[in-house]
Amino acid sequence: MALGSDTEILSIGLHPSRLDYGKHPGRDEAALTARVEARRRRCAIRASTSCHACFLPIPTRPRNSS
């Protein structure tokens, strides 16, 4: 499907700082942020349009320590 040059793409996701990287050895916030930005740039080049990433700063709930 071809998109018009006036089309904008919005990608919505959780902010990388909200993830528990302890469950994913070898991954961290900086690496995930870089991957998301690289994908956004590739999207813009492929689609010849604007691609925007929107990170949601969802608050985390304290874990029950009992």
C-alpha atoms as a PDB file:
ATOM      1  CA  MET A   1       0.000   0.000   0.000  1.00  0.00           C
ATOM      2  CA  ALA A   2       1.451   3.355  -0.996  1.00  0.00           C
ATOM      3  CA  LEU A   3       1.052   6.275   1.368  1.00  0.00           C
ATOM      4  CA  GLY A   4       0.710   9.866   0.243  1.00  0.00           C
ATOM      5  CA  SER A   5       3.499  12.307   1.077  1.00  0.00           C
ATOM      6  CA  ASP A   6       1.142  14.141   3.432  1.00  0.00           C
ATOM      7  CA  THR A   7       0.529  10.977   5.488  1.00  0.00           C
ATOM      8  CA  GLU A   8       1.959  10.829   9.001  1.00  0.00           C
ATOM      9  CA  ILE A   9       2.531   7.638  10.972  1.00  0.00           C
ATOM     10  CA  LEU A  10       2.226   7.563  14.760  1.00  0.00           C
ATOM     11  CA  SER A  11       3.734   4.706  16.726  1.00  0.00           C
ATOM     12  CA  ILE A  12       2.535   4.509  20.328  1.00  0.00           C
ATOM     13  CA  GLY A  13       4.273   2.431  22.956  1.00  0.00           C
ATOM     14  CA  LEU A  14       5.531   2.186  26.482  1.00  0.00           C
ATOM     15  CA  HIS A  15       8.483   4.410  27.380  1.00  0.00           C
ATOM     16  CA  PRO A  16      11.691   2.315  27.550  1.00  0.00           C
ATOM     17  CA  SER A  17      12.318   3.520  31.127  1.00  0.00           C
ATOM     18  CA  ARG A  18       9.152   1.710  32.275  1.00  0.00           C
ATOM     19  CA  LEU A  19      10.403  -1.792  31.449  1.00  0.00           C
ATOM     20  CA  ASP A  20      11.970  -4.259  33.874  1.00  0.00           C
ATOM     21  CA  TYR A  21      15.249  -5.084  32.145  1.00  0.00           C
ATOM     22  CA  GLY A  22      16.157  -7.607  34.863  1.00  0.00           C
ATOM     23  CA  LYS A  23      14.004 -10.084  32.967  1.00  0.00           C
ATOM     24  CA  HIS A  24      15.942  -9.449  29.741  1.00  0.00           C
ATOM     25  CA  PRO A  25      19.697  -9.960  30.259  1.00  0.00           C
ATOM     26  CA  GLY A  26      21.882  -7.961  27.891  1.00  0.00           C
ATOM     27  CA  ARG A  27      19.210  -5.359  27.173  1.00  0.00           C
ATOM     28  CA  ASP A  28      18.914  -1.881  28.621  1.00  0.00           C
ATOM     29  CA  GLU A  29      16.994   1.351  28.198  1.00  0.00           C
ATOM     30  CA  ALA A  30      19.624   3.048  26.011  1.00  0.00           C
ATOM     31  CA  ALA A  31      19.776   0.105  23.592  1.00  0.00           C
ATOM     32  CA  LEU A  32      15.987  -0.128  23.279  1.00  0.00           C
ATOM     33  CA  THR A  33      15.666   3.630  22.778  1.00  0.00           C
ATOM     34  CA  ALA A  34      18.281   3.491  20.007  1.00  0.00           C
ATOM     35  CA  ARG A  35      16.461   0.589  18.310  1.00  0.00           C
ATOM     36  CA  VAL A  36      13.121   2.431  18.414  1.00  0.00           C
ATOM     37  CA  GLU A  37      14.705   5.568  16.926  1.00  0.00           C
ATOM     38  CA  ALA A  38      16.427   3.563  14.179  1.00  0.00           C
ATOM     39  CA  ARG A  39      13.127   1.885  13.297  1.00  0.00           C
ATOM     40  CA  ARG A  40      11.373   5.271  13.216  1.00  0.00           C
ATOM     41  CA  ARG A  41      13.987   6.588  10.770  1.00  0.00           C
ATOM     42  CA  ARG A  42      13.682   3.483   8.562  1.00  0.00           C
ATOM     43  CA  CYS A  43       9.896   3.857   8.580  1.00  0.00           C
ATOM     44  CA  ALA A  44      10.174   7.473   7.438  1.00  0.00           C
ATOM     45  CA  ILE A  45      12.571   6.552   4.632  1.00  0.00           C
ATOM     46  CA  ARG A  46      10.524   3.561   3.448  1.00  0.00           C
ATOM     47  CA  ALA A  47       7.186   5.321   3.530  1.00  0.00           C
ATOM     48  CA  SER A  48       8.588   8.669   2.339  1.00  0.00           C
ATOM     49  CA  THR A  49       6.531  10.308   5.045  1.00  0.00           C
ATOM     50  CA  SER A  50       6.730  11.479   8.664  1.00  0.00           C
ATOM     51  CA  CYS A  51       6.935   8.850  11.400  1.00  0.00           C
ATOM     52  CA  HIS A  52       6.550   9.843  15.032  1.00  0.00           C
ATOM     53  CA  ALA A  53       7.145   7.789  18.158  1.00  0.00           C
ATOM     54  CA  CYS A  54       5.029   8.517  21.209  1.00  0.00           C
ATOM     55  CA  PHE A  55       6.202   6.979  24.471  1.00  0.00           C
ATOM     56  CA  LEU A  56       3.659   6.645  27.244  1.00  0.00           C
ATOM     57  CA  PRO A  57       5.116   7.222  30.717  1.00  0.00           C
ATOM     58  CA  ILE A  58       2.833   4.725  32.436  1.00  0.00           C
ATOM     59  CA  PRO A  59       3.508   4.779  36.179  1.00  0.00           C
ATOM     60  CA  THR A  60       4.559   1.526  37.721  1.00  0.00           C
ATOM     61  CA  ARG A  61       2.814   0.136  40.754  1.00  0.00           C
ATOM     62  CA  PRO A  62       4.928  -0.690  43.781  1.00  0.00           C
ATOM     63  CA  ARG A  63       5.455  -4.410  44.104  1.00  0.00           C
ATOM     64  CA  ASN A  64       3.856  -6.102  47.062  1.00  0.00           C
ATOM     65  CA  SER A  65       6.761  -6.955  49.359  1.00  0.00           C
ATOM     66  CA  SER A  66       4.761  -9.125  51.766  1.00  0.00           C
END
